[in-house]
């Protein structure tokens, strides 16, 4: 009787171990699937960052910006006849830093 009970306990232990390993195997497979999805997302994010950096470099090109400013602003470049020497600028009186007089 004792041997039968020992065999039954051992069989129950083997079945419980098999079920536990089966569950563990499927949990590991699910985690590996999640890990692959995370790696794919990281790769996609890195690729997107690389593309955005390239776009930023193109949009931030000084020659391109200079051309856009020239095209869209009403300003014209200074010519030598519009420039003046420092002596030609009228002197502004300083009221001693007191501000407006009332």
N, C-alpha and C. Protein backbone atom coordinates (compact mmCIF):
# COMPACT_ATOMS: atom_id res chain seq x y z
N UNK A 1 0.82 -1.19 0.00
CA UNK A 1 0.00 0.00 0.00
C UNK A 1 0.86 1.26 0.00
N UNK A 2 1.92 1.19 0.78
CA UNK A 2 2.80 2.33 0.85
C UNK A 2 3.46 2.59 -0.49
N UNK A 3 3.82 1.52 -1.20
CA UNK A 3 4.47 1.65 -2.50
C UNK A 3 3.52 2.26 -3.52
N UNK A 4 2.25 1.89 -3.49
CA UNK A 4 1.25 2.42 -4.41
C UNK A 4 1.06 3.91 -4.14
N UNK A 5 0.99 4.28 -2.87
CA UNK A 5 0.84 5.69 -2.51
C UNK A 5 2.06 6.49 -2.94
N UNK A 6 3.23 5.95 -2.79
CA UNK A 6 4.47 6.61 -3.22
C UNK A 6 4.51 6.75 -4.74
N UNK A 7 4.09 5.72 -5.45
CA UNK A 7 4.03 5.79 -6.91
C UNK A 7 3.00 6.82 -7.36
N UNK A 8 1.86 6.87 -6.69
CA UNK A 8 0.84 7.87 -7.04
C UNK A 8 1.34 9.29 -6.78
N UNK A 9 2.04 9.51 -5.69
CA UNK A 9 2.60 10.84 -5.38
C UNK A 9 3.66 11.22 -6.41
N UNK A 10 4.50 10.27 -6.79
CA UNK A 10 5.52 10.54 -7.80
C UNK A 10 4.88 10.86 -9.15
N UNK A 11 3.84 10.11 -9.52
CA UNK A 11 3.13 10.36 -10.77
C UNK A 11 2.48 11.75 -10.75
N UNK A 12 1.90 12.12 -9.63
CA UNK A 12 1.28 13.45 -9.50
C UNK A 12 2.34 14.54 -9.62
N UNK A 13 3.50 14.29 -9.03
CA UNK A 13 4.60 15.26 -9.13
C UNK A 13 5.08 15.39 -10.57
N UNK A 14 5.18 14.30 -11.29
CA UNK A 14 5.60 14.33 -12.70
C UNK A 14 4.57 15.07 -13.54
N UNK A 15 3.29 14.81 -13.32
CA UNK A 15 2.23 15.48 -14.09
C UNK A 15 2.23 16.98 -13.77
N UNK A 16 2.36 17.34 -12.50
CA UNK A 16 2.39 18.75 -12.12
C UNK A 16 3.60 19.45 -12.74
N UNK A 17 4.74 18.77 -12.75
CA UNK A 17 5.94 19.34 -13.38
C UNK A 17 5.74 19.53 -14.87
N UNK A 18 5.12 18.55 -15.53
CA UNK A 18 4.88 18.64 -16.97
C UNK A 18 3.94 19.80 -17.28
N UNK A 19 2.88 19.94 -16.50
CA UNK A 19 1.93 21.05 -16.71
C UNK A 19 2.62 22.38 -16.45
N UNK A 20 3.41 22.43 -15.39
CA UNK A 20 4.15 23.67 -15.08
C UNK A 20 5.12 24.04 -16.19
N UNK A 21 5.85 23.07 -16.71
CA UNK A 21 6.77 23.35 -17.81
C UNK A 21 6.04 23.76 -19.08
N UNK A 22 4.87 23.15 -19.34
CA UNK A 22 4.07 23.52 -20.50
C UNK A 22 3.61 24.98 -20.40
N UNK A 23 3.12 25.37 -19.22
CA UNK A 23 2.67 26.75 -19.00
C UNK A 23 3.85 27.71 -19.11
N UNK A 24 4.97 27.34 -18.50
CA UNK A 24 6.16 28.18 -18.54
C UNK A 24 6.66 28.36 -19.97
N UNK A 25 6.63 27.29 -20.76
CA UNK A 25 7.06 27.36 -22.16
C UNK A 25 6.22 28.37 -22.94
N UNK A 26 4.91 28.33 -22.73
CA UNK A 26 4.03 29.24 -23.46
C UNK A 26 4.18 30.69 -22.96
N UNK A 27 4.47 30.86 -21.68
CA UNK A 27 4.73 32.21 -21.18
C UNK A 27 6.02 32.77 -21.77
N UNK A 28 7.04 31.93 -21.87
CA UNK A 28 8.31 32.36 -22.47
C UNK A 28 8.10 32.70 -23.93
N UNK A 29 7.34 31.90 -24.64
CA UNK A 29 7.08 32.18 -26.05
C UNK A 29 6.33 33.50 -26.22
N UNK A 30 5.38 33.78 -25.32
CA UNK A 30 4.65 35.04 -25.38
C UNK A 30 5.58 36.22 -25.10
N UNK A 31 6.48 36.08 -24.13
CA UNK A 31 7.45 37.15 -23.83
C UNK A 31 8.41 37.37 -25.00
N UNK A 32 8.82 36.28 -25.65
CA UNK A 32 9.71 36.42 -26.81
C UNK A 32 9.00 37.15 -27.95
N UNK A 33 7.72 36.88 -28.11
CA UNK A 33 6.95 37.58 -29.14
C UNK A 33 6.86 39.07 -28.82
N UNK A 34 6.62 39.40 -27.55
CA UNK A 34 6.59 40.81 -27.12
C UNK A 34 7.95 41.47 -27.34
N UNK A 35 9.02 40.74 -27.03
CA UNK A 35 10.37 41.27 -27.20
C UNK A 35 10.67 41.56 -28.67
N UNK A 36 10.26 40.65 -29.55
CA UNK A 36 10.45 40.89 -30.99
C UNK A 36 9.68 42.13 -31.45
N UNK A 37 8.46 42.29 -30.94
CA UNK A 37 7.66 43.46 -31.30
C UNK A 37 8.33 44.74 -30.81
N UNK A 38 8.90 44.70 -29.61
CA UNK A 38 9.60 45.87 -29.07
C UNK A 38 10.83 46.19 -29.90
N UNK A 39 11.58 45.15 -30.31
CA UNK A 39 12.76 45.37 -31.15
C UNK A 39 12.38 45.98 -32.50
N UNK A 40 11.29 45.52 -33.07
CA UNK A 40 10.82 46.08 -34.34
C UNK A 40 10.43 47.55 -34.14
N UNK A 41 9.76 47.87 -33.04
CA UNK A 41 9.37 49.25 -32.77
C UNK A 41 10.60 50.13 -32.57
N UNK A 42 11.61 49.63 -31.86
CA UNK A 42 12.85 50.39 -31.67
C UNK A 42 13.52 50.64 -33.01
N UNK A 43 13.57 49.62 -33.85
CA UNK A 43 14.20 49.78 -35.17
C UNK A 43 13.44 50.82 -35.99
N UNK A 44 12.10 50.75 -35.95
CA UNK A 44 11.30 51.74 -36.70
C UNK A 44 11.51 53.15 -36.16
N UNK A 45 11.59 53.29 -34.84
CA UNK A 45 11.81 54.61 -34.24
C UNK A 45 13.17 55.16 -34.62
N UNK A 46 14.20 54.31 -34.61
CA UNK A 46 15.54 54.77 -35.00
C UNK A 46 15.56 55.20 -36.46
N UNK A 47 14.88 54.45 -37.31
CA UNK A 47 14.81 54.82 -38.73
C UNK A 47 14.08 56.15 -38.90
N UNK A 48 12.99 56.34 -38.16
CA UNK A 48 12.23 57.59 -38.23
C UNK A 48 13.07 58.77 -37.74
N UNK A 49 13.83 58.55 -36.66
CA UNK A 49 14.71 59.61 -36.15
C UNK A 49 15.76 59.96 -37.19
N UNK A 50 16.32 58.96 -37.85
CA UNK A 50 17.32 59.20 -38.88
C UNK A 50 16.73 60.04 -40.02
N UNK A 51 15.52 59.70 -40.43
CA UNK A 51 14.85 60.44 -41.51
C UNK A 51 14.56 61.87 -41.06
N UNK A 52 14.09 62.04 -39.82
CA UNK A 52 13.79 63.38 -39.31
C UNK A 52 15.05 64.24 -39.21
N UNK A 53 16.18 63.63 -38.81
CA UNK A 53 17.43 64.38 -38.76
C UNK A 53 17.85 64.82 -40.16
N UNK A 54 17.67 63.95 -41.15
CA UNK A 54 18.00 64.32 -42.52
C UNK A 54 17.10 65.45 -43.01
N UNK A 55 15.81 65.36 -42.69
CA UNK A 55 14.87 66.43 -43.07
C UNK A 55 15.26 67.75 -42.40
N UNK A 56 15.62 67.68 -41.12
CA UNK A 56 16.00 68.89 -40.39
C UNK A 56 17.25 69.52 -40.99
N UNK A 57 18.21 68.68 -41.36
CA UNK A 57 19.43 69.20 -41.97
C UNK A 57 19.11 69.90 -43.29
N UNK A 58 18.20 69.32 -44.07
CA UNK A 58 17.80 69.95 -45.33
C UNK A 58 17.07 71.26 -45.07
N UNK A 59 16.13 71.26 -44.15
CA UNK A 59 15.34 72.46 -43.88
C UNK A 59 16.17 73.55 -43.22
N UNK A 60 17.22 73.18 -42.53
CA UNK A 60 18.04 74.14 -41.81
C UNK A 60 19.26 74.59 -42.61
N UNK A 61 19.32 74.24 -43.88
CA UNK A 61 20.44 74.61 -44.73
C UNK A 61 20.50 76.13 -44.87
N UNK A 62 21.64 76.76 -44.53
CA UNK A 62 21.73 78.23 -44.57
C UNK A 62 21.44 78.82 -45.96
N UNK A 63 21.88 78.16 -47.00
CA UNK A 63 21.59 78.68 -48.35
C UNK A 63 20.09 78.66 -48.64
N UNK A 64 19.43 77.60 -48.25
CA UNK A 64 17.99 77.50 -48.46
C UNK A 64 17.27 78.56 -47.64
N UNK A 65 17.68 78.74 -46.38
CA UNK A 65 17.05 79.75 -45.54
C UNK A 65 17.27 81.16 -46.09
N UNK A 66 18.48 81.42 -46.58
CA UNK A 66 18.78 82.73 -47.16
C UNK A 66 17.88 82.99 -48.38
N UNK A 67 17.69 81.98 -49.21
CA UNK A 67 16.83 82.12 -50.39
C UNK A 67 15.37 82.35 -49.98
N UNK A 68 14.90 81.63 -48.96
CA UNK A 68 13.52 81.83 -48.50
C UNK A 68 13.32 83.22 -47.92
N UNK A 69 14.29 83.71 -47.17
CA UNK A 69 14.20 85.07 -46.61
C UNK A 69 14.16 86.08 -47.75
N UNK A 70 15.02 85.91 -48.74
CA UNK A 70 15.04 86.83 -49.87
C UNK A 70 13.71 86.79 -50.61
N UNK A 71 13.16 85.61 -50.78
CA UNK A 71 11.94 85.44 -51.57
C UNK A 71 10.70 85.98 -50.84
N UNK A 72 10.61 85.75 -49.53
CA UNK A 72 9.37 86.04 -48.82
C UNK A 72 9.39 87.32 -47.98
N UNK A 73 10.51 87.93 -47.82
CA UNK A 73 10.52 89.16 -47.01
C UNK A 73 10.55 90.37 -47.94
N UNK A 74 10.10 91.48 -47.43
CA UNK A 74 10.09 92.70 -48.22
C UNK A 74 11.41 93.45 -48.13
N UNK A 75 12.36 92.91 -47.40
CA UNK A 75 13.63 93.59 -47.22
C UNK A 75 14.52 93.41 -48.44
N UNK A 76 15.25 94.45 -48.72
CA UNK A 76 16.23 94.37 -49.80
C UNK A 76 17.60 94.55 -49.18
N UNK A 77 18.60 94.04 -49.84
CA UNK A 77 19.94 94.13 -49.29
C UNK A 77 20.42 95.58 -49.32
N UNK A 78 21.28 95.90 -48.40
CA UNK A 78 21.81 97.26 -48.32
C UNK A 78 22.76 97.52 -49.48
N UNK A 79 22.65 98.68 -50.02
CA UNK A 79 23.58 99.09 -51.08
C UNK A 79 24.53 100.13 -50.49
N UNK A 80 25.59 100.39 -51.15
CA UNK A 80 26.59 101.31 -50.60
C UNK A 80 26.03 102.72 -50.45
N UNK A 81 25.08 103.15 -51.30
CA UNK A 81 24.54 104.50 -51.18
C UNK A 81 23.59 104.62 -49.99
N UNK A 82 23.07 103.51 -49.47
CA UNK A 82 22.19 103.61 -48.30
C UNK A 82 22.97 103.55 -47.01
N UNK A 83 24.23 103.27 -47.08
CA UNK A 83 25.06 103.21 -45.88
C UNK A 83 25.61 104.60 -45.57
N UNK A 84 25.81 104.85 -44.31
CA UNK A 84 26.33 106.16 -43.89
C UNK A 84 27.49 105.94 -42.93
N UNK A 85 28.34 106.95 -42.83
CA UNK A 85 29.42 106.90 -41.87
C UNK A 85 28.90 107.29 -40.50
N UNK A 86 29.60 106.93 -39.49
CA UNK A 86 29.18 107.21 -38.13
C UNK A 86 29.06 108.70 -37.88
N UNK A 87 29.92 109.51 -38.53
CA UNK A 87 29.89 110.95 -38.33
C UNK A 87 28.62 111.58 -38.92
N UNK A 88 27.99 110.93 -39.87
CA UNK A 88 26.79 111.47 -40.51
C UNK A 88 25.53 111.26 -39.67
N UNK A 89 25.60 110.43 -38.66
CA UNK A 89 24.43 110.17 -37.82
C UNK A 89 24.33 111.30 -36.80
N UNK A 90 23.18 111.96 -36.70
CA UNK A 90 23.05 113.07 -35.76
C UNK A 90 23.16 112.61 -34.32
N UNK A 91 23.77 113.47 -33.52
CA UNK A 91 23.99 113.19 -32.11
C UNK A 91 22.68 113.41 -31.34
N UNK A 92 22.35 112.47 -30.49
CA UNK A 92 21.14 112.59 -29.69
C UNK A 92 21.53 113.02 -28.28
N UNK A 93 20.90 114.07 -27.80
CA UNK A 93 21.23 114.59 -26.48
C UNK A 93 20.80 113.62 -25.41
N UNK A 94 21.61 113.51 -24.41
CA UNK A 94 21.29 112.67 -23.27
C UNK A 94 20.79 113.59 -22.16
N UNK A 95 19.63 113.28 -21.59
CA UNK A 95 19.08 114.14 -20.54
C UNK A 95 19.56 113.73 -19.16
N UNK A 96 20.65 113.00 -19.11
CA UNK A 96 21.21 112.62 -17.81
C UNK A 96 20.60 111.38 -17.24
N UNK A 97 19.86 110.62 -18.01
CA UNK A 97 19.27 109.37 -17.55
C UNK A 97 18.07 109.55 -16.66
N UNK A 98 17.46 110.75 -16.68
CA UNK A 98 16.31 111.03 -15.80
C UNK A 98 15.00 110.62 -16.44
N UNK A 99 15.02 110.21 -17.68
CA UNK A 99 13.76 109.83 -18.34
C UNK A 99 13.00 111.05 -18.83
N UNK A 100 11.70 110.87 -19.03
CA UNK A 100 10.85 111.97 -19.53
C UNK A 100 10.63 112.99 -18.42
N UNK A 101 10.67 114.27 -18.84
CA UNK A 101 10.40 115.35 -17.87
C UNK A 101 8.90 115.64 -17.90
N UNK A 102 8.37 115.92 -16.72
CA UNK A 102 6.93 116.21 -16.65
C UNK A 102 6.68 117.66 -16.42
